[in-house]
PDB file of all heavy atoms in Angstrom:
ATOM      1  N   SER A   1     151.549  72.088-132.200  1.00  0.00           N
ATOM      2  CA  SER A   1     152.529  72.928-131.527  1.00  0.00           C
ATOM      3  C   SER A   1     152.059  73.166-130.098  1.00  0.00           C
ATOM      4  O   SER A   1     150.910  72.932-129.755  1.00  0.00           O
ATOM      5  CB  SER A   1     152.671  74.261-132.260  1.00  0.00           C
ATOM      6  OG  SER A   1     151.482  74.982-132.154  1.00  0.00           O
ATOM      7  N   LYS A   2     152.956  73.688-129.295  1.00  0.00           N
ATOM      8  CA  LYS A   2     152.588  73.944-127.914  1.00  0.00           C
ATOM      9  C   LYS A   2     151.522  75.018-127.797  1.00  0.00           C
ATOM     10  O   LYS A   2     150.811  75.076-126.802  1.00  0.00           O
ATOM     11  CB  LYS A   2     153.819  74.342-127.098  1.00  0.00           C
ATOM     12  CG  LYS A   2     154.731  73.178-126.851  1.00  0.00           C
ATOM     13  CD  LYS A   2     155.812  73.550-125.885  1.00  0.00           C
ATOM     14  CE  LYS A   2     156.685  72.343-125.635  1.00  0.00           C
ATOM     15  NZ  LYS A   2     157.728  72.619-124.679  1.00  0.00           N
ATOM     16  N   SER A   3     151.377  75.854-128.800  1.00  0.00           N
ATOM     17  CA  SER A   3     150.372  76.921-128.731  1.00  0.00           C
ATOM     18  C   SER A   3     148.956  76.363-128.859  1.00  0.00           C
ATOM     19  O   SER A   3     147.995  77.048-128.541  1.00  0.00           O
ATOM     20  CB  SER A   3     150.635  77.966-129.821  1.00  0.00           C
ATOM     21  OG  SER A   3     150.502  77.356-131.094  1.00  0.00           O
ATOM     22  N   GLU A   4     148.826  75.120-129.348  1.00  0.00           N
ATOM     23  CA  GLU A   4     147.492  74.531-129.472  1.00  0.00           C
ATOM     24  C   GLU A   4     146.941  74.104-128.116  1.00  0.00           C
ATOM     25  O   GLU A   4     145.756  73.913-127.964  1.00  0.00           O
ATOM     26  CB  GLU A   4     147.537  73.332-130.421  1.00  0.00           C
ATOM     27  CG  GLU A   4     147.702  73.729-131.853  1.00  0.00           C
ATOM     28  CD  GLU A   4     147.738  72.509-132.759  1.00  0.00           C
ATOM     29  OE1 GLU A   4     148.116  71.414-132.287  1.00  0.00           O
ATOM     30  OE2 GLU A   4     147.384  72.647-133.923  1.00  0.00           O
ATOM     31  N   TYR A   5     147.856  73.885-127.181  1.00  0.00           N
ATOM     32  CA  TYR A   5     147.383  73.511-125.843  1.00  0.00           C
ATOM     33  C   TYR A   5     146.862  74.755-125.150  1.00  0.00           C
ATOM     34  O   TYR A   5     147.635  75.605-124.725  1.00  0.00           O
ATOM     35  CB  TYR A   5     148.520  72.880-125.033  1.00  0.00           C
ATOM     36  CG  TYR A   5     148.973  71.558-125.599  1.00  0.00           C
ATOM     37  CD1 TYR A   5     150.162  71.449-126.313  1.00  0.00           C
ATOM     38  CD2 TYR A   5     148.190  70.426-125.430  1.00  0.00           C
ATOM     39  CE1 TYR A   5     150.567  70.244-126.831  1.00  0.00           C
ATOM     40  CE2 TYR A   5     148.591  69.218-125.957  1.00  0.00           C
ATOM     41  CZ  TYR A   5     149.775  69.132-126.651  1.00  0.00           C
ATOM     42  OH  TYR A   5     150.159  67.938-127.160  1.00  0.00           O
ATOM     43  N   VAL A   6     145.556  74.856-125.062  1.00  0.00           N
ATOM     44  CA  VAL A   6     144.933  76.067-124.533  1.00  0.00           C
ATOM     45  C   VAL A   6     144.976  76.098-123.021  1.00  0.00           C
ATOM     46  O   VAL A   6     145.389  77.085-122.428  1.00  0.00           O
ATOM     47  CB  VAL A   6     143.471  76.185-125.029  1.00  0.00           C
ATOM     48  CG1 VAL A   6     142.779  77.360-124.430  1.00  0.00           C
ATOM     49  CG2 VAL A   6     143.440  76.221-126.533  1.00  0.00           C
ATOM     50  N   SER A   7     144.538  75.039-122.410  1.00  0.00           N
ATOM     51  CA  SER A   7     144.533  75.032-120.944  1.00  0.00           C
ATOM     52  C   SER A   7     144.573  73.595-120.452  1.00  0.00           C
ATOM     53  O   SER A   7     144.334  72.667-121.205  1.00  0.00           O
ATOM     54  CB  SER A   7     143.281  75.711-120.412  1.00  0.00           C
ATOM     55  OG  SER A   7     142.146  74.931-120.732  1.00  0.00           O
ATOM     56  N   SER A   8     144.901  73.463-119.220  1.00  0.00           N
ATOM     57  CA  SER A   8     144.846  72.147-118.602  1.00  0.00           C
ATOM     58  C   SER A   8     144.273  72.327-117.203  1.00  0.00           C
ATOM     59  O   SER A   8     144.499  73.348-116.563  1.00  0.00           O
ATOM     60  CB  SER A   8     146.226  71.516-118.562  1.00  0.00           C
ATOM     61  OG  SER A   8     147.073  72.281-117.741  1.00  0.00           O
ATOM     62  N   LYS A   9     143.532  71.306-116.774  1.00  0.00           N
ATOM     63  CA  LYS A   9     142.953  71.407-115.430  1.00  0.00           C
ATOM     64  C   LYS A   9     142.907  70.021-114.821  1.00  0.00           C
ATOM     65  O   LYS A   9     142.941  69.021-115.516  1.00  0.00           O
ATOM     66  CB  LYS A   9     141.546  72.019-115.469  1.00  0.00           C
ATOM     67  CG  LYS A   9     140.512  71.185-116.177  1.00  0.00           C
ATOM     68  CD  LYS A   9     139.171  71.849-116.107  1.00  0.00           C
ATOM     69  CE  LYS A   9     138.135  70.971-116.794  1.00  0.00           C
ATOM     70  NZ  LYS A   9     136.817  71.507-116.696  1.00  0.00           N
ATOM     71  N   ARG A  10     142.778  69.977-113.515  1.00  0.00           N
ATOM     72  CA  ARG A  10     142.743  68.715-112.795  1.00  0.00           C
ATOM     73  C   ARG A  10     141.356  68.585-112.151  1.00  0.00           C
ATOM     74  O   ARG A  10     140.897  69.492-111.471  1.00  0.00           O
ATOM     75  CB  ARG A  10     143.815  68.728-111.720  1.00  0.00           C
ATOM     76  CG  ARG A  10     144.046  67.403-111.065  1.00  0.00           C
ATOM     77  CD  ARG A  10     145.378  67.512-110.320  1.00  0.00           C
ATOM     78  NE  ARG A  10     145.874  66.310-109.779  1.00  0.00           N
ATOM     79  CZ  ARG A  10     146.374  65.287-110.440  1.00  0.00           C
ATOM     80  NH1 ARG A  10     146.407  65.323-111.743  1.00  0.00           N
ATOM     81  NH2 ARG A  10     146.835  64.229-109.825  1.00  0.00           N
ATOM     82  N   LEU A  11     140.688  67.452-112.370  1.00  0.00           N
ATOM     83  CA  LEU A  11     139.387  67.212-111.744  1.00  0.00           C
ATOM     84  C   LEU A  11     139.611  66.749-110.315  1.00  0.00           C
ATOM     85  O   LEU A  11     140.531  65.976-110.038  1.00  0.00           O
ATOM     86  CB  LEU A  11     138.600  66.130-112.513  1.00  0.00           C
ATOM     87  CG  LEU A  11     138.174  66.485-113.926  1.00  0.00           C
ATOM     88  CD1 LEU A  11     137.462  65.289-114.545  1.00  0.00           C
ATOM     89  CD2 LEU A  11     137.246  67.687-113.915  1.00  0.00           C
ATOM     90  N   THR A  12     138.753  67.215-109.418  1.00  0.00           N
ATOM     91  CA  THR A  12     138.904  66.823-108.018  1.00  0.00           C
ATOM     92  C   THR A  12     138.012  65.632-107.732  1.00  0.00           C
ATOM     93  O   THR A  12     136.976  65.449-108.350  1.00  0.00           O
ATOM     94  CB  THR A  12     138.514  67.975-107.082  1.00  0.00           C
ATOM     95  OG1 THR A  12     137.168  68.332-107.336  1.00  0.00           O
ATOM     96  CG2 THR A  12     139.418  69.164-107.269  1.00  0.00           C
ATOM     97  N   GLY A  13     138.391  64.851-106.801  1.00  0.00           N
ATOM     98  CA  GLY A  13     137.610  63.688-106.431  1.00  0.00           C
ATOM     99  C   GLY A  13     138.317  62.933-105.333  1.00  0.00           C
ATOM    100  O   GLY A  13     139.377  63.352-104.854  1.00  0.00           O
ATOM    101  N   PRO A  14     137.770  61.809-104.954  1.00  0.00           N
ATOM    102  CA  PRO A  14     138.391  61.057-103.875  1.00  0.00           C
ATOM    103  C   PRO A  14     139.722  60.439-104.294  1.00  0.00           C
ATOM    104  O   PRO A  14     140.591  60.230-103.477  1.00  0.00           O
ATOM    105  CB  PRO A  14     137.371  59.975-103.549  1.00  0.00           C
ATOM    106  CG  PRO A  14     136.493  59.861-104.749  1.00  0.00           C
ATOM    107  CD  PRO A  14     136.533  61.213-105.396  1.00  0.00           C
ATOM    108  N   LYS A  15     139.884  60.155-105.606  1.00  0.00           N
ATOM    109  CA  LYS A  15     141.126  59.572-106.118  1.00  0.00           C
ATOM    110  C   LYS A  15     141.850  60.649-106.916  1.00  0.00           C
ATOM    111  O   LYS A  15     141.231  61.508-107.516  1.00  0.00           O
ATOM    112  CB  LYS A  15     140.807  58.400-107.038  1.00  0.00           C
ATOM    113  CG  LYS A  15     140.011  57.319-106.367  1.00  0.00           C
ATOM    114  CD  LYS A  15     139.611  56.267-107.362  1.00  0.00           C
ATOM    115  CE  LYS A  15     138.667  55.294-106.739  1.00  0.00           C
ATOM    116  NZ  LYS A  15     138.082  54.376-107.670  1.00  0.00           N
ATOM    117  N   PRO A  16     143.158  60.623-106.941  1.00  0.00           N
ATOM    118  CA  PRO A  16     143.873  61.606-107.754  1.00  0.00           C
ATOM    119  C   PRO A  16     143.560  61.372-109.229  1.00  0.00           C
ATOM    120  O   PRO A  16     143.574  60.247-109.717  1.00  0.00           O
ATOM    121  CB  PRO A  16     145.348  61.352-107.449  1.00  0.00           C
ATOM    122  CG  PRO A  16     145.399  60.033-106.773  1.00  0.00           C
ATOM    123  CD  PRO A  16     144.041  59.735-106.223  1.00  0.00           C
ATOM    124  N   LEU A  17     143.216  62.429-109.902  1.00  0.00           N
ATOM    125  CA  LEU A  17     142.830  62.341-111.309  1.00  0.00           C
ATOM    126  C   LEU A  17     144.000  62.764-112.191  1.00  0.00           C
ATOM    127  O   LEU A  17     144.828  63.585-111.800  1.00  0.00           O
ATOM    128  CB  LEU A  17     141.617  63.233-111.560  1.00  0.00           C
ATOM    129  CG  LEU A  17     140.362  62.874-110.758  1.00  0.00           C
ATOM    130  CD1 LEU A  17     139.282  63.915-110.993  1.00  0.00           C
ATOM    131  CD2 LEU A  17     139.847  61.505-111.158  1.00  0.00           C
ATOM    132  N   PRO A  18     144.043  62.233-113.404  1.00  0.00           N
ATOM    133  CA  PRO A  18     145.152  62.593-114.302  1.00  0.00           C
ATOM    134  C   PRO A  18     144.982  64.020-114.819  1.00  0.00           C
ATOM    135  O   PRO A  18     143.888  64.574-114.803  1.00  0.00           O
ATOM    136  CB  PRO A  18     145.018  61.581-115.443  1.00  0.00           C
ATOM    137  CG  PRO A  18     143.573  61.236-115.461  1.00  0.00           C
ATOM    138  CD  PRO A  18     143.135  61.303-114.026  1.00  0.00           C
ATOM    139  N   LEU A  19     146.069  64.565-115.251  1.00  0.00           N
ATOM    140  CA  LEU A  19     146.055  65.895-115.834  1.00  0.00           C
ATOM    141  C   LEU A  19     145.322  65.838-117.175  1.00  0.00           C
ATOM    142  O   LEU A  19     145.588  64.969-117.999  1.00  0.00           O
ATOM    143  CB  LEU A  19     147.500  66.392-116.045  1.00  0.00           C
ATOM    144  CG  LEU A  19     147.632  67.821-116.529  1.00  0.00           C
ATOM    145  CD1 LEU A  19     147.079  68.773-115.494  1.00  0.00           C
ATOM    146  CD2 LEU A  19     149.099  68.115-116.784  1.00  0.00           C
ATOM    147  N   ILE A  20     144.398  66.749-117.370  1.00  0.00           N
ATOM    148  CA  ILE A  20     143.617  66.758-118.599  1.00  0.00           C
ATOM    149  C   ILE A  20     144.018  67.977-119.414  1.00  0.00           C
ATOM    150  O   ILE A  20     144.029  69.085-118.906  1.00  0.00           O
ATOM    151  CB  ILE A  20     142.115  66.809-118.286  1.00  0.00           C
ATOM    152  CG1 ILE A  20     141.700  65.579-117.487  1.00  0.00           C
ATOM    153  CG2 ILE A  20     141.303  66.890-119.573  1.00  0.00           C
ATOM    154  CD1 ILE A  20     140.307  65.629-116.984  1.00  0.00           C
ATOM    155  N   ARG A  21     144.311  67.738-120.678  1.00  0.00           N
ATOM    156  CA  ARG A  21     144.698  68.839-121.549  1.00  0.00           C
ATOM    157  C   ARG A  21     143.587  69.061-122.546  1.00  0.00           C
ATOM    158  O   ARG A  21     143.125  68.120-123.184  1.00  0.00           O
ATOM    159  CB  ARG A  21     145.983  68.505-122.295  1.00  0.00           C
ATOM    160  CG  ARG A  21     147.143  68.394-121.373  1.00  0.00           C
ATOM    161  CD  ARG A  21     148.424  68.144-122.151  1.00  0.00           C
ATOM    162  NE  ARG A  21     149.500  67.981-121.214  1.00  0.00           N
ATOM    163  CZ  ARG A  21     150.219  66.903-121.099  1.00  0.00           C
ATOM    164  NH1 ARG A  21     149.999  65.875-121.893  1.00  0.00           N
ATOM    165  NH2 ARG A  21     151.169  66.830-120.214  1.00  0.00           N
ATOM    166  N   VAL A  22     143.196  70.292-122.671  1.00  0.00           N
ATOM    167  CA  VAL A  22     142.172  70.630-123.664  1.00  0.00           C
ATOM    168  C   VAL A  22     142.891  71.175-124.878  1.00  0.00           C
ATOM    169  O   VAL A  22     143.668  72.119-124.763  1.00  0.00           O
ATOM    170  CB  VAL A  22     141.169  71.671-123.099  1.00  0.00           C
ATOM    171  CG1 VAL A  22     140.146  72.031-124.156  1.00  0.00           C
ATOM    172  CG2 VAL A  22     140.504  71.133-121.855  1.00  0.00           C
ATOM    173  N   VAL A  23     142.634  70.569-125.982  1.00  0.00           N
ATOM    174  CA  VAL A  23     143.327  70.931-127.220  1.00  0.00           C
ATOM    175  C   VAL A  23     142.355  71.602-128.146  1.00  0.00           C
ATOM    176  O   VAL A  23     141.256  71.131-128.364  1.00  0.00           O
ATOM    177  CB  VAL A  23     143.917  69.668-127.875  1.00  0.00           C
ATOM    178  CG1 VAL A  23     144.635  70.032-129.168  1.00  0.00           C
ATOM    179  CG2 VAL A  23     144.825  68.942-126.922  1.00  0.00           C
ATOM    180  N   GLU A  24     142.803  72.716-128.687  1.00  0.00           N
ATOM    181  CA  GLU A  24     141.966  73.447-129.645  1.00  0.00           C
ATOM    182  C   GLU A  24     142.207  72.856-131.011  1.00  0.00           C
ATOM    183  O   GLU A  24     143.336  72.702-131.457  1.00  0.00           O
ATOM    184  CB  GLU A  24     142.363  74.929-129.621  1.00  0.00           C
ATOM    185  CG  GLU A  24     141.357  75.820-130.267  1.00  0.00           C
ATOM    186  CD  GLU A  24     141.814  77.251-130.106  1.00  0.00           C
ATOM    187  OE1 GLU A  24     141.618  77.808-129.014  1.00  0.00           O
ATOM    188  OE2 GLU A  24     142.363  77.790-131.063  1.00  0.00           O
TER     189      GLU A  24
END
């Protein structure tokens, strides 16, 4: 469910990084 998606963050770097989802 959508409630399992706790947070998402983007890593910084010289290239654009994909969106990372942390799942509980």
